[in-house]
N, C-alpha and C. Protein backbone atom coordinates (compact mmCIF):
# COMPACT_ATOMS: atom_id res chain seq x y z
N MET A 1 96.62 88.01 -85.76
CA MET A 1 95.59 88.68 -84.92
C MET A 1 96.40 89.36 -84.32
N ALA A 2 96.37 90.25 -84.47
CA ALA A 2 97.87 91.34 -83.13
C ALA A 2 96.97 90.81 -81.41
N ARG A 3 98.29 90.44 -80.71
CA ARG A 3 98.14 90.23 -79.73
C ARG A 3 97.07 90.75 -78.35
N THR A 4 96.36 91.01 -78.01
CA THR A 4 95.82 92.37 -77.43
C THR A 4 95.53 92.03 -76.31
N GLY A 5 96.87 91.67 -75.44
CA GLY A 5 96.57 90.77 -73.47
C GLY A 5 95.94 90.34 -73.13
N GLN A 6 94.58 90.20 -74.40
CA GLN A 6 93.34 89.26 -73.38
C GLN A 6 93.15 87.72 -74.26
N GLU A 7 94.30 87.21 -74.61
CA GLU A 7 94.60 85.80 -74.74
C GLU A 7 94.13 85.30 -73.38
N LEU A 8 93.13 83.94 -74.27
CA LEU A 8 92.75 82.97 -73.52
C LEU A 8 93.42 81.32 -73.48
N SER A 9 94.00 80.31 -72.55
CA SER A 9 94.54 79.47 -72.44
C SER A 9 93.46 78.63 -73.04
N ALA A 10 93.05 77.57 -73.25
CA ALA A 10 92.24 76.07 -73.69
C ALA A 10 91.76 76.08 -72.30
N LEU A 11 91.97 76.40 -71.06
CA LEU A 11 91.17 75.71 -69.74
C LEU A 11 90.35 77.26 -69.49
N GLU A 12 91.03 77.83 -70.08
CA GLU A 12 90.53 79.26 -69.28
C GLU A 12 88.78 79.53 -70.94
N GLN A 13 89.51 79.30 -71.58
CA GLN A 13 88.01 79.21 -72.65
C GLN A 13 86.89 78.17 -72.66
N GLN A 14 87.64 76.93 -71.67
CA GLN A 14 86.54 76.01 -71.71
C GLN A 14 85.81 76.57 -70.02
N VAL A 15 86.28 77.27 -69.93
CA VAL A 15 85.71 77.95 -68.02
C VAL A 15 84.78 78.62 -68.67
N LEU A 16 85.37 79.48 -69.33
CA LEU A 16 84.26 80.67 -69.53
C LEU A 16 82.62 80.48 -70.44
N LEU A 17 83.10 78.94 -71.28
CA LEU A 17 81.76 78.08 -71.72
C LEU A 17 81.10 77.74 -71.47
N ALA A 18 81.39 77.18 -69.63
CA ALA A 18 80.80 76.42 -69.62
C ALA A 18 80.42 77.33 -67.74
N ILE A 19 80.62 78.26 -67.73
CA ILE A 19 79.83 79.53 -67.30
C ILE A 19 78.92 80.06 -68.42
N LEU A 20 78.81 80.55 -69.05
CA LEU A 20 77.40 80.74 -69.64
C LEU A 20 76.29 79.52 -69.61
N ARG A 21 77.40 78.62 -70.12
CA ARG A 21 76.08 77.65 -70.13
C ARG A 21 75.37 77.50 -68.83
N ARG A 22 75.89 77.87 -68.19
CA ARG A 22 75.58 77.50 -66.22
C ARG A 22 74.52 78.60 -66.09
N HIS A 23 74.25 79.66 -66.93
CA HIS A 23 74.26 80.85 -66.46
C HIS A 23 72.99 80.46 -65.81
N PRO A 24 72.40 81.02 -64.41
CA PRO A 24 72.87 81.85 -63.90
C PRO A 24 73.10 80.60 -62.46
N ASN A 25 73.73 80.06 -62.85
CA ASN A 25 74.03 79.29 -62.01
C ASN A 25 75.55 78.83 -61.59
N ALA A 26 76.46 78.81 -62.06
CA ALA A 26 77.81 79.05 -62.18
C ALA A 26 78.60 78.95 -60.97
N TYR A 27 79.09 77.51 -61.11
CA TYR A 27 79.66 77.48 -59.59
C TYR A 27 81.19 76.48 -59.99
N GLY A 28 81.95 76.42 -58.92
CA GLY A 28 83.06 75.53 -58.91
C GLY A 28 82.92 74.44 -60.16
N VAL A 29 81.70 73.08 -58.94
CA VAL A 29 81.18 72.13 -59.43
C VAL A 29 80.49 72.10 -60.39
N SER A 30 80.10 73.21 -61.11
CA SER A 30 78.99 72.74 -62.10
C SER A 30 79.47 73.36 -62.59
N ILE A 31 80.99 74.09 -62.63
CA ILE A 31 81.73 74.62 -64.25
C ILE A 31 82.35 72.97 -64.64
N ARG A 32 82.84 72.63 -63.36
CA ARG A 32 83.85 71.20 -63.84
C ARG A 32 82.67 70.61 -63.73
N ASP A 33 81.49 70.10 -63.88
CA ASP A 33 81.08 69.20 -64.06
C ASP A 33 80.45 69.29 -65.87
N GLU A 34 80.89 71.14 -66.05
CA GLU A 34 79.78 71.24 -67.08
C GLU A 34 81.30 70.98 -68.33
N ILE A 35 82.66 70.71 -67.96
CA ILE A 35 83.73 70.64 -68.66
C ILE A 35 83.39 68.72 -68.84
N LYS A 36 83.56 68.15 -68.11
CA LYS A 36 83.60 66.95 -67.72
C LYS A 36 82.06 66.36 -68.88
N GLN A 37 80.88 67.06 -68.65
CA GLN A 37 79.97 66.32 -69.24
C GLN A 37 80.74 66.80 -70.92
N GLU A 38 81.29 67.86 -71.27
CA GLU A 38 81.25 67.96 -72.60
C GLU A 38 82.90 67.79 -73.56
N THR A 39 83.53 67.29 -72.77
CA THR A 39 85.23 67.32 -73.31
C THR A 39 85.35 66.07 -72.83
N ALA A 40 84.61 65.17 -71.89
CA ALA A 40 84.90 64.59 -71.41
C ALA A 40 86.82 64.18 -70.23
N THR A 41 86.47 65.00 -70.15
CA THR A 41 87.79 65.58 -69.88
C THR A 41 87.73 65.87 -67.98
N GLU A 42 88.51 65.72 -67.35
CA GLU A 42 88.24 65.77 -65.90
C GLU A 42 89.72 66.21 -65.24
N ILE A 43 89.24 67.50 -64.74
CA ILE A 43 89.76 68.53 -64.16
C ILE A 43 89.49 68.87 -62.91
N SER A 44 90.86 68.77 -61.79
CA SER A 44 91.31 69.11 -60.67
C SER A 44 90.01 70.30 -60.26
N PHE A 45 89.69 70.70 -59.05
CA PHE A 45 88.85 71.83 -58.40
C PHE A 45 90.20 72.77 -58.06
N GLY A 46 91.26 71.88 -57.88
CA GLY A 46 92.40 72.95 -57.97
C GLY A 46 92.16 73.67 -59.44
N SER A 47 92.17 73.27 -60.03
CA SER A 47 92.96 73.47 -61.81
C SER A 47 91.38 75.10 -61.78
N ILE A 48 90.74 74.20 -61.00
CA ILE A 48 89.11 75.16 -61.70
C ILE A 48 88.96 76.85 -61.06
N TYR A 49 89.73 76.56 -59.56
CA TYR A 49 89.78 77.55 -58.72
C TYR A 49 90.75 78.53 -58.92
N ALA A 50 91.64 77.77 -59.70
CA ALA A 50 93.11 78.61 -60.13
C ALA A 50 92.63 79.88 -61.19
N VAL A 51 91.78 78.98 -61.77
CA VAL A 51 91.09 79.39 -63.20
C VAL A 51 90.19 80.63 -63.10
N LEU A 52 89.11 80.61 -62.28
CA LEU A 52 88.52 80.89 -61.53
C LEU A 52 88.91 82.38 -61.14
N ASP A 53 89.61 82.37 -60.46
CA ASP A 53 90.62 83.51 -59.63
C ASP A 53 91.41 84.49 -61.06
N ARG A 54 92.59 83.63 -61.55
CA ARG A 54 93.00 84.70 -62.64
C ARG A 54 91.95 85.24 -63.72
N LEU A 55 90.84 84.28 -64.23
CA LEU A 55 89.78 85.50 -64.41
C LEU A 55 88.96 86.43 -64.23
N GLU A 56 88.85 86.49 -62.81
CA GLU A 56 88.78 87.11 -62.10
C GLU A 56 89.14 88.56 -61.96
N GLN A 57 90.71 88.35 -61.70
CA GLN A 57 91.48 88.64 -60.88
C GLN A 57 91.83 90.11 -62.46
N ARG A 58 91.67 89.18 -63.84
CA ARG A 58 91.69 89.93 -65.36
C ARG A 58 90.72 90.74 -65.42
N GLY A 59 89.42 91.00 -64.64
CA GLY A 59 87.82 91.60 -64.78
C GLY A 59 87.33 90.55 -66.17
N PHE A 60 87.22 89.47 -66.02
CA PHE A 60 86.64 88.56 -67.07
C PHE A 60 85.03 87.75 -66.55
N VAL A 61 85.42 87.52 -65.63
CA VAL A 61 83.94 87.20 -64.79
C VAL A 61 84.01 88.21 -63.13
N SER A 62 82.91 88.04 -62.42
CA SER A 62 82.93 88.45 -61.64
C SER A 62 81.99 87.45 -60.70
N SER A 63 81.93 87.33 -59.23
CA SER A 63 81.11 86.04 -58.40
C SER A 63 80.40 86.95 -57.85
N ARG A 64 79.31 86.11 -57.29
CA ARG A 64 78.90 86.68 -56.11
C ARG A 64 78.49 85.72 -55.12
N GLU A 65 78.21 85.66 -53.37
CA GLU A 65 78.07 84.50 -53.35
C GLU A 65 75.80 84.87 -53.18
N GLY A 66 76.57 82.87 -53.31
CA GLY A 66 74.99 82.55 -53.49
C GLY A 66 74.20 82.59 -52.28
N ALA A 67 72.68 81.90 -51.71
CA ALA A 67 72.11 81.99 -50.58
C ALA A 67 72.83 80.28 -49.96
N ALA A 68 72.67 80.60 -48.48
CA ALA A 68 73.37 79.39 -47.73
C ALA A 68 72.30 77.98 -48.32
N THR A 69 72.97 76.55 -48.16
CA THR A 69 71.55 76.01 -48.24
C THR A 69 71.93 74.64 -47.35
N ALA A 70 70.66 74.51 -46.64
CA ALA A 70 70.79 73.23 -45.76
C ALA A 70 71.87 72.00 -46.69
N VAL A 71 72.04 71.84 -47.37
CA VAL A 71 72.23 70.51 -48.57
C VAL A 71 74.16 70.53 -47.61
N ARG A 72 74.93 72.31 -47.68
CA ARG A 72 75.94 72.76 -48.02
C ARG A 72 76.22 72.74 -46.60
N GLY A 73 75.51 72.05 -45.85
CA GLY A 73 75.84 72.32 -44.17
C GLY A 73 76.02 74.12 -43.93
N GLY A 74 75.04 75.04 -44.48
CA GLY A 74 74.21 76.36 -44.71
C GLY A 74 75.44 76.70 -45.10
N ARG A 75 76.60 76.67 -45.91
CA ARG A 75 77.68 77.57 -47.00
C ARG A 75 76.94 77.82 -48.06
N LYS A 76 77.17 79.35 -48.12
CA LYS A 76 77.27 79.63 -49.84
C LYS A 76 78.01 79.15 -50.76
N LYS A 77 77.64 79.46 -51.88
CA LYS A 77 77.97 79.01 -53.28
C LYS A 77 78.37 80.17 -54.20
N LEU A 78 79.57 80.19 -54.23
CA LEU A 78 80.86 81.56 -54.94
C LEU A 78 79.80 81.57 -56.59
N LEU A 79 79.30 81.72 -56.87
CA LEU A 79 78.88 82.11 -58.53
C LEU A 79 79.25 82.72 -59.06
N PHE A 80 79.89 82.65 -60.56
CA PHE A 80 80.12 83.05 -61.31
C PHE A 80 79.04 83.49 -62.71
N THR A 81 80.09 84.93 -63.32
CA THR A 81 79.33 85.46 -64.51
C THR A 81 79.99 85.67 -65.13
N ILE A 82 80.60 85.98 -67.17
CA ILE A 82 80.71 86.43 -67.31
C ILE A 82 80.96 88.05 -68.11
N THR A 83 81.84 88.96 -67.61
CA THR A 83 81.67 89.73 -67.88
C THR A 83 81.33 90.43 -69.29
N GLY A 84 81.33 91.59 -69.74
CA GLY A 84 81.58 91.89 -70.83
C GLY A 84 83.22 92.09 -71.79
N SER A 85 84.38 92.33 -71.19
CA SER A 85 85.60 92.66 -71.35
C SER A 85 85.73 90.68 -70.91
N GLY A 86 85.13 89.57 -70.64
CA GLY A 86 85.32 88.00 -70.63
C GLY A 86 84.84 87.79 -72.40
N GLN A 87 83.25 87.64 -72.17
CA GLN A 87 82.50 87.62 -73.36
C GLN A 87 83.88 87.74 -75.07
N SER A 88 83.98 89.73 -74.75
CA SER A 88 85.19 90.19 -76.07
C SER A 88 86.81 89.12 -75.59
N ALA A 89 87.10 88.57 -74.98
CA ALA A 89 88.16 88.16 -74.75
C ALA A 89 87.63 86.21 -75.44
N LEU A 90 87.10 85.90 -74.75
CA LEU A 90 86.05 84.57 -75.50
C LEU A 90 86.06 85.04 -76.90
N ASP A 91 85.56 85.62 -77.36
CA ASP A 91 85.42 86.01 -78.94
C ASP A 91 85.95 86.42 -79.51
N HIS A 92 87.33 86.87 -78.92
CA HIS A 92 88.41 86.95 -80.11
C HIS A 92 89.40 85.51 -79.51
N ALA A 93 89.27 84.52 -78.98
CA ALA A 93 90.11 83.38 -78.53
C ALA A 93 89.31 82.36 -80.02
N ILE A 94 88.05 82.59 -79.91
CA ILE A 94 86.95 81.53 -80.66
C ILE A 94 87.86 81.96 -82.25
N LYS A 95 87.31 83.68 -82.62
CA LYS A 95 87.62 84.39 -83.92
C LYS A 95 88.89 83.57 -84.46
N ALA A 96 89.92 83.86 -83.11
CA ALA A 96 91.42 83.43 -83.81
C ALA A 96 91.61 82.16 -84.14
N LEU A 97 91.22 80.83 -83.75
CA LEU A 97 91.10 79.61 -83.25
C LEU A 97 90.82 80.04 -85.20
N ASP A 98 89.51 79.94 -85.40
CA ASP A 98 88.75 79.73 -86.35
C ASP A 98 89.38 79.94 -87.81
N ALA A 99 90.34 81.36 -87.47
CA ALA A 99 90.68 81.31 -88.72
C ALA A 99 92.71 80.25 -89.08
N LEU A 100 92.52 80.71 -87.87
CA LEU A 100 93.62 79.01 -88.28
C LEU A 100 93.58 78.18 -88.03
N ARG A 101 92.51 77.48 -87.61
CA ARG A 101 91.57 76.60 -88.12
C ARG A 101 91.28 76.78 -89.81
N ALA A 102 91.00 78.02 -90.78
CA ALA A 102 90.07 77.79 -91.59
C ALA A 102 91.32 77.14 -92.84
N GLY A 103 90.37 76.70 -94.04
CA GLY A 103 91.27 76.36 -94.85
C GLY A 103 91.73 74.74 -94.67
N THR A 104 92.36 74.33 -93.76
CA THR A 104 92.46 73.25 -92.96
C THR A 104 91.42 72.12 -93.22
N GLN A 105 92.23 70.99 -93.43
CA GLN A 105 90.84 69.64 -93.16
C GLN A 105 91.95 68.65 -92.20
N LEU A 106 91.03 68.55 -90.87
CA LEU A 106 90.91 67.80 -89.85
C LEU A 106 91.60 66.05 -90.88
N GLN A 107 92.38 65.28 -90.38
CA GLN A 107 92.51 64.01 -91.02
C GLN A 107 92.49 62.90 -89.70
N GLY A 108 92.20 61.83 -89.69
CA GLY A 108 93.17 61.06 -88.34
C GLY A 108 94.09 60.60 -88.21
N ALA A 109 94.41 60.27 -87.37
CA ALA A 109 95.65 60.40 -87.16
C ALA A 109 96.77 59.24 -88.40
N LEU A 110 97.79 59.98 -88.05
CA LEU A 110 98.84 58.90 -89.35
C LEU A 110 99.37 57.68 -88.36
N ALA A 111 99.43 56.65 -89.05
CA ALA A 111 99.79 55.02 -89.08
C ALA A 111 101.60 55.82 -88.59
């Protein structure tokens, strides 16, 4: 597959998938929790927010402020939604990985 300028890192793919899974309540903590729950990988909040910022700059996600809550001391959550171009980039990344994986057989670790 040709390079499109829309390539995604593994963490970017995970963040986009977590946003889709947590929609419409995808915010930093819920995205991090979703990735941890599904992959057993602990990712720092700094890494999550750096990826979210990068994805937003690239037009792959959009953000909006949620309502203020007493639990958060009156602060608002920043909620994220995947955009059409983000969905397209994610679809491309998954298809590329599937194409590369096609015809292979995953085996256990060699001794």
